[in-house]
PDB file of N, CA and C in Angstrom:
ATOM      1  N   MET A   1       0.850  -1.172   0.000  1.00  0.00           N
ATOM      2  CA  MET A   1       0.000   0.000   0.000  1.00  0.00           C
ATOM      3  C   MET A   1       0.897   1.236   0.000  1.00  0.00           C
ATOM      4  N   ILE A   2       0.499   2.214  -0.740  1.00  0.00           N
ATOM      5  CA  ILE A   2       1.211   3.479  -0.801  1.00  0.00           C
ATOM      6  C   ILE A   2       0.348   4.550  -0.153  1.00  0.00           C
ATOM      7  N   ARG A   3       0.944   5.341   0.714  1.00  0.00           N
ATOM      8  CA  ARG A   3       0.261   6.479   1.330  1.00  0.00           C
ATOM      9  C   ARG A   3       0.513   7.706   0.468  1.00  0.00           C
ATOM     10  N   VAL A   4      -0.512   8.532   0.327  1.00  0.00           N
ATOM     11  CA  VAL A   4      -0.423   9.750  -0.477  1.00  0.00           C
ATOM     12  C   VAL A   4      -0.833  10.913   0.405  1.00  0.00           C
ATOM     13  N   CYS A   5      -0.013  11.955   0.425  1.00  0.00           N
ATOM     14  CA  CYS A   5      -0.299  13.142   1.223  1.00  0.00           C
ATOM     15  C   CYS A   5      -0.220  14.354   0.302  1.00  0.00           C
ATOM     16  N   GLY A   6      -1.206  15.230   0.408  1.00  0.00           N
ATOM     17  CA  GLY A   6      -1.216  16.420  -0.431  1.00  0.00           C
ATOM     18  C   GLY A   6      -1.587  17.648   0.383  1.00  0.00           C
ATOM     19  N   GLU A   7      -1.066  18.782  -0.040  1.00  0.00           N
ATOM     20  CA  GLU A   7      -1.364  20.046   0.617  1.00  0.00           C
ATOM     21  C   GLU A   7      -1.637  21.078  -0.466  1.00  0.00           C
ATOM     22  N   ASN A   8      -2.800  21.731  -0.380  1.00  0.00           N
ATOM     23  CA  ASN A   8      -3.219  22.668  -1.413  1.00  0.00           C
ATOM     24  C   ASN A   8      -3.743  23.951  -0.786  1.00  0.00           C
ATOM     25  N   PRO A   9      -3.118  25.099  -1.088  1.00  0.00           N
ATOM     26  CA  PRO A   9      -3.657  26.372  -0.603  1.00  0.00           C
ATOM     27  C   PRO A   9      -4.805  26.834  -1.506  1.00  0.00           C
ATOM     28  N   HIS A  10      -5.799  27.488  -0.901  1.00  0.00           N
ATOM     29  CA  HIS A  10      -6.945  27.975  -1.664  1.00  0.00           C
ATOM     30  C   HIS A  10      -7.274  29.406  -1.275  1.00  0.00           C
ATOM     31  N   ALA A  11      -7.714  30.168  -2.246  1.00  0.00           N
ATOM     32  CA  ALA A  11      -8.015  31.581  -2.051  1.00  0.00           C
ATOM     33  C   ALA A  11      -9.103  31.776  -0.998  1.00  0.00           C
ATOM     34  N   PRO A  12      -9.083  32.914  -0.326  1.00  0.00           N
ATOM     35  CA  PRO A  12     -10.108  33.190   0.679  1.00  0.00           C
ATOM     36  C   PRO A  12     -11.524  33.023   0.121  1.00  0.00           C
ATOM     37  N   GLY A  13     -12.381  32.386   0.918  1.00  0.00           N
ATOM     38  CA  GLY A  13     -13.776  32.242   0.541  1.00  0.00           C
ATOM     39  C   GLY A  13     -14.086  31.121  -0.428  1.00  0.00           C
ATOM     40  N   ARG A  14     -13.105  30.321  -0.830  1.00  0.00           N
ATOM     41  CA  ARG A  14     -13.330  29.274  -1.833  1.00  0.00           C
ATOM     42  C   ARG A  14     -13.375  27.864  -1.256  1.00  0.00           C
ATOM     43  N   ILE A  15     -13.090  27.698   0.027  1.00  0.00           N
ATOM     44  CA  ILE A  15     -12.928  26.346   0.560  1.00  0.00           C
ATOM     45  C   ILE A  15     -14.210  25.523   0.470  1.00  0.00           C
ATOM     46  N   ALA A  16     -15.363  26.142   0.654  1.00  0.00           N
ATOM     47  CA  ALA A  16     -16.620  25.384   0.548  1.00  0.00           C
ATOM     48  C   ALA A  16     -16.802  24.823  -0.860  1.00  0.00           C
ATOM     49  N   LEU A  17     -16.468  25.605  -1.871  1.00  0.00           N
ATOM     50  CA  LEU A  17     -16.564  25.131  -3.262  1.00  0.00           C
ATOM     51  C   LEU A  17     -15.573  24.001  -3.524  1.00  0.00           C
ATOM     52  N   VAL A  18     -14.377  24.135  -2.982  1.00  0.00           N
ATOM     53  CA  VAL A  18     -13.344  23.110  -3.175  1.00  0.00           C
ATOM     54  C   VAL A  18     -13.766  21.795  -2.520  1.00  0.00           C
ATOM     55  N   LEU A  19     -14.273  21.862  -1.298  1.00  0.00           N
ATOM     56  CA  LEU A  19     -14.695  20.639  -0.601  1.00  0.00           C
ATOM     57  C   LEU A  19     -15.876  19.977  -1.305  1.00  0.00           C
ATOM     58  N   ASP A  20     -16.785  20.787  -1.838  1.00  0.00           N
ATOM     59  CA  ASP A  20     -17.907  20.233  -2.593  1.00  0.00           C
ATOM     60  C   ASP A  20     -17.408  19.517  -3.844  1.00  0.00           C
ATOM     61  N   ALA A  21     -16.500  20.146  -4.579  1.00  0.00           N
ATOM     62  CA  ALA A  21     -15.943  19.521  -5.784  1.00  0.00           C
ATOM     63  C   ALA A  21     -15.158  18.259  -5.433  1.00  0.00           C
ATOM     64  N   LEU A  22     -14.438  18.287  -4.325  1.00  0.00           N
ATOM     65  CA  LEU A  22     -13.696  17.110  -3.877  1.00  0.00           C
ATOM     66  C   LEU A  22     -14.651  15.937  -3.655  1.00  0.00           C
ATOM     67  N   ASP A  23     -15.726  16.174  -2.919  1.00  0.00           N
ATOM     68  CA  ASP A  23     -16.687  15.106  -2.614  1.00  0.00           C
ATOM     69  C   ASP A  23     -17.472  14.643  -3.830  1.00  0.00           C
ATOM     70  N   ARG A  24     -17.860  15.566  -4.653  1.00  0.00           N
ATOM     71  CA  ARG A  24     -18.780  15.268  -5.759  1.00  0.00           C
ATOM     72  C   ARG A  24     -18.066  14.760  -7.009  1.00  0.00           C
ATOM     73  N   LEU A  25     -16.883  15.302  -7.291  1.00  0.00           N
ATOM     74  CA  LEU A  25     -16.209  14.990  -8.557  1.00  0.00           C
ATOM     75  C   LEU A  25     -14.950  14.147  -8.405  1.00  0.00           C
ATOM     76  N   TYR A  26     -14.096  14.517  -7.481  1.00  0.00           N
ATOM     77  CA  TYR A  26     -12.775  13.899  -7.391  1.00  0.00           C
ATOM     78  C   TYR A  26     -12.802  12.534  -6.700  1.00  0.00           C
ATOM     79  N   LEU A  27     -13.460  12.452  -5.551  1.00  0.00           N
ATOM     80  CA  LEU A  27     -13.435  11.203  -4.784  1.00  0.00           C
ATOM     81  C   LEU A  27     -14.061  10.018  -5.505  1.00  0.00           C
ATOM     82  N   PRO A  28     -15.173  10.181  -6.227  1.00  0.00           N
ATOM     83  CA  PRO A  28     -15.700   9.025  -6.969  1.00  0.00           C
ATOM     84  C   PRO A  28     -14.718   8.485  -8.019  1.00  0.00           C
ATOM     85  N   VAL A  29     -14.002   9.369  -8.681  1.00  0.00           N
ATOM     86  CA  VAL A  29     -13.012   8.940  -9.679  1.00  0.00           C
ATOM     87  C   VAL A  29     -11.869   8.200  -8.981  1.00  0.00           C
ATOM     88  N   CYS A  30     -11.431   8.729  -7.844  1.00  0.00           N
ATOM     89  CA  CYS A  30     -10.364   8.061  -7.085  1.00  0.00           C
ATOM     90  C   CYS A  30     -10.800   6.681  -6.622  1.00  0.00           C
ATOM     91  N   ALA A  31     -12.008   6.575  -6.100  1.00  0.00           N
ATOM     92  CA  ALA A  31     -12.515   5.284  -5.622  1.00  0.00           C
ATOM     93  C   ALA A  31     -12.549   4.260  -6.749  1.00  0.00           C
ATOM     94  N   ALA A  32     -12.916   4.697  -7.939  1.00  0.00           N
ATOM     95  CA  ALA A  32     -12.963   3.793  -9.089  1.00  0.00           C
ATOM     96  C   ALA A  32     -11.567   3.274  -9.447  1.00  0.00           C
ATOM     97  N   ARG A  33     -10.535   4.000  -9.051  1.00  0.00           N
ATOM     98  CA  ARG A  33      -9.149   3.592  -9.326  1.00  0.00           C
ATOM     99  C   ARG A  33      -8.514   2.865  -8.146  1.00  0.00           C
ATOM    100  N   GLY A  34      -9.282   2.658  -7.072  1.00  0.00           N
ATOM    101  CA  GLY A  34      -8.748   1.963  -5.914  1.00  0.00           C
ATOM    102  C   GLY A  34      -8.074   2.861  -4.895  1.00  0.00           C
ATOM    103  N   LEU A  35      -8.252   4.159  -5.032  1.00  0.00           N
ATOM    104  CA  LEU A  35      -7.668   5.105  -4.082  1.00  0.00           C
ATOM    105  C   LEU A  35      -8.690   5.442  -3.006  1.00  0.00           C
ATOM    106  N   THR A  36      -8.221   5.616  -1.787  1.00  0.00           N
ATOM    107  CA  THR A  36      -9.094   5.903  -0.664  1.00  0.00           C
ATOM    108  C   THR A  36      -8.607   7.159   0.051  1.00  0.00           C
ATOM    109  N   LEU A  37      -9.522   8.054   0.378  1.00  0.00           N
ATOM    110  CA  LEU A  37      -9.197   9.217   1.193  1.00  0.00           C
ATOM    111  C   LEU A  37      -9.421   8.831   2.646  1.00  0.00           C
ATOM    112  N   ASP A  38      -8.357   8.882   3.449  1.00  0.00           N
ATOM    113  CA  ASP A  38      -8.457   8.511   4.856  1.00  0.00           C
ATOM    114  C   ASP A  38      -8.815   9.702   5.735  1.00  0.00           C
ATOM    115  N   GLN A  39      -8.192  10.837   5.472  1.00  0.00           N
ATOM    116  CA  GLN A  39      -8.446  12.023   6.285  1.00  0.00           C
ATOM    117  C   GLN A  39      -8.261  13.270   5.446  1.00  0.00           C
ATOM    118  N   ARG A  40      -8.953  14.334   5.878  1.00  0.00           N
ATOM    119  CA  ARG A  40      -8.715  15.640   5.285  1.00  0.00           C
ATOM    120  C   ARG A  40      -8.785  16.679   6.395  1.00  0.00           C
ATOM    121  N   TRP A  41      -7.946  17.683   6.267  1.00  0.00           N
ATOM    122  CA  TRP A  41      -7.896  18.770   7.235  1.00  0.00           C
ATOM    123  C   TRP A  41      -7.966  20.088   6.491  1.00  0.00           C
ATOM    124  N   VAL A  42      -8.647  21.044   7.068  1.00  0.00           N
ATOM    125  CA  VAL A  42      -8.700  22.403   6.534  1.00  0.00           C
ATOM    126  C   VAL A  42      -8.151  23.319   7.618  1.00  0.00           C
ATOM    127  N   SER A  43      -7.224  24.185   7.228  1.00  0.00           N
ATOM    128  CA  SER A  43      -6.623  25.113   8.177  1.00  0.00           C
ATOM    129  C   SER A  43      -6.634  26.523   7.595  1.00  0.00           C
ATOM    130  N   PRO A  44      -7.199  27.498   8.288  1.00  0.00           N
ATOM    131  CA  PRO A  44      -8.016  27.359   9.483  1.00  0.00           C
ATOM    132  C   PRO A  44      -9.267  26.541   9.175  1.00  0.00           C
ATOM    133  N   PRO A  45      -9.901  25.962  10.210  1.00  0.00           N
ATOM    134  CA  PRO A  45     -10.979  25.005   9.987  1.00  0.00           C
ATOM    135  C   PRO A  45     -12.295  25.607   9.506  1.00  0.00           C
ATOM    136  N   MET A  46     -12.318  26.881   9.229  1.00  0.00           N
ATOM    137  CA  MET A  46     -13.515  27.537   8.693  1.00  0.00           C
ATOM    138  C   MET A  46     -13.064  28.665   7.782  1.00  0.00           C
ATOM    139  N   ALA A  47     -13.978  29.153   6.973  1.00  0.00           N
ATOM    140  CA  ALA A  47     -13.651  30.281   6.099  1.00  0.00           C
ATOM    141  C   ALA A  47     -13.565  31.550   6.941  1.00  0.00           C
ATOM    142  N   VAL A  48     -12.421  32.214   6.892  1.00  0.00           N
ATOM    143  CA  VAL A  48     -12.211  33.476   7.589  1.00  0.00           C
ATOM    144  C   VAL A  48     -12.014  34.542   6.523  1.00  0.00           C
ATOM    145  N   PRO A  49     -12.845  35.569   6.509  1.00  0.00           N
ATOM    146  CA  PRO A  49     -12.726  36.599   5.472  1.00  0.00           C
ATOM    147  C   PRO A  49     -11.293  37.133   5.354  1.00  0.00           C
ATOM    148  N   GLY A  50     -10.784  37.088   4.127  1.00  0.00           N
ATOM    149  CA  GLY A  50      -9.449  37.609   3.839  1.00  0.00           C
ATOM    150  C   GLY A  50      -8.307  36.639   4.050  1.00  0.00           C
ATOM    151  N   LEU A  51      -8.551  35.488   4.655  1.00  0.00           N
ATOM    152  CA  LEU A  51      -7.483  34.520   4.883  1.00  0.00           C
ATOM    153  C   LEU A  51      -7.648  33.309   3.980  1.00  0.00           C
ATOM    154  N   PRO A  52      -6.546  32.827   3.387  1.00  0.00           N
ATOM    155  CA  PRO A  52      -6.634  31.607   2.581  1.00  0.00           C
ATOM    156  C   PRO A  52      -6.812  30.387   3.483  1.00  0.00           C
ATOM    157  N   ASN A  53      -7.289  29.305   2.917  1.00  0.00           N
ATOM    158  CA  ASN A  53      -7.388  28.020   3.613  1.00  0.00           C
ATOM    159  C   ASN A  53      -6.409  27.051   2.967  1.00  0.00           C
ATOM    160  N   THR A  54      -5.867  26.173   3.779  1.00  0.00           N
ATOM    161  CA  THR A  54      -5.020  25.100   3.270  1.00  0.00           C
ATOM    162  C   THR A  54      -5.748  23.782   3.481  1.00  0.00           C
ATOM    163  N   LEU A  55      -5.874  23.016   2.417  1.00  0.00           N
ATOM    164  CA  LEU A  55      -6.507  21.706   2.460  1.00  0.00           C
ATOM    165  C   LEU A  55      -5.403  20.655   2.425  1.00  0.00           C
ATOM    166  N   ARG A  56      -5.411  19.786   3.426  1.00  0.00           N
ATOM    167  CA  ARG A  56      -4.452  18.683   3.480  1.00  0.00           C
ATOM    168  C   ARG A  56      -5.213  17.376   3.368  1.00  0.00           C
ATOM    169  N   LEU A  57      -4.709  16.501   2.506  1.00  0.00           N
ATOM    170  CA  LEU A  57      -5.363  15.212   2.247  1.00  0.00           C
ATOM    171  C   LEU A  57      -4.395  14.085   2.553  1.00  0.00           C
ATOM    172  N   LEU A  58      -4.902  13.015   3.155  1.00  0.00           N
ATOM    173  CA  LEU A  58      -4.124  11.817   3.395  1.00  0.00           C
ATOM    174  C   LEU A  58      -4.932  10.639   2.862  1.00  0.00           C
ATOM    175  N   GLY A  59      -4.344   9.912   1.938  1.00  0.00           N
ATOM    176  CA  GLY A  59      -5.039   8.790   1.332  1.00  0.00           C
ATOM    177  C   GLY A  59      -4.096   7.627   1.109  1.00  0.00           C
ATOM    178  N   ARG A  60      -4.637   6.608   0.440  1.00  0.00           N
ATOM    179  CA  ARG A  60      -3.815   5.428   0.167  1.00  0.00           C
ATOM    180  C   ARG A  60      -4.232   4.778  -1.147  1.00  0.00           C
ATOM    181  N   ASP A  61      -3.264   4.101  -1.715  1.00  0.00           N
ATOM    182  CA  ASP A  61      -3.487   3.329  -2.933  1.00  0.00           C
ATOM    183  C   ASP A  61      -3.227   1.872  -2.566  1.00  0.00           C
ATOM    184  N   ALA A  62      -4.296   1.118  -2.437  1.00  0.00           N
ATOM    185  CA  ALA A  62      -4.178  -0.260  -1.982  1.00  0.00           C
ATOM    186  C   ALA A  62      -3.772  -1.235  -3.089  1.00  0.00           C
ATOM    187  N   SER A  63      -3.597  -0.747  -4.293  1.00  0.00           N
ATOM    188  CA  SER A  63      -3.244  -1.656  -5.387  1.00  0.00           C
ATOM    189  C   SER A  63      -1.782  -2.110  -5.314  1.00  0.00           C
ATOM    190  N   TYR A  64      -0.973  -1.446  -4.482  1.00  0.00           N
ATOM    191  CA  TYR A  64       0.418  -1.852  -4.307  1.00  0.00           C
ATOM    192  C   TYR A  64       0.521  -2.726  -3.062  1.00  0.00           C
ATOM    193  N   PRO A  65       1.176  -3.855  -3.167  1.00  0.00           N
ATOM    194  CA  PRO A  65       1.289  -4.748  -1.999  1.00  0.00           C
ATOM    195  C   PRO A  65       2.184  -4.147  -0.917  1.00  0.00           C
ATOM    196  N   GLU A  66       1.903  -4.521   0.324  1.00  0.00           N
ATOM    197  CA  GLU A  66       2.764  -4.084   1.428  1.00  0.00           C
ATOM    198  C   GLU A  66       4.003  -4.953   1.476  1.00  0.00           C
ATOM    199  N   ASN A  67       5.063  -4.392   2.005  1.00  0.00           N
ATOM    200  CA  ASN A  67       6.326  -5.152   2.131  1.00  0.00           C
ATOM    201  C   ASN A  67       6.275  -6.019   3.343  1.00  0.00           C
TER     202      ASN A  67
END
């Protein structure tokens, strides 16, 4: 199994749109390829006017055998 970690900064006020697109568009495609999202974090954890949000994702690809 391979662990995948990603960090993406997003413009102020856009995090709700990004999370919606992640759930609706990206995750189904990943699941079809055998990828799983284990956790996601947003920092700061809510939209704060004028401040960007950082989205961190932790997932795995189970198609690779463990050592």
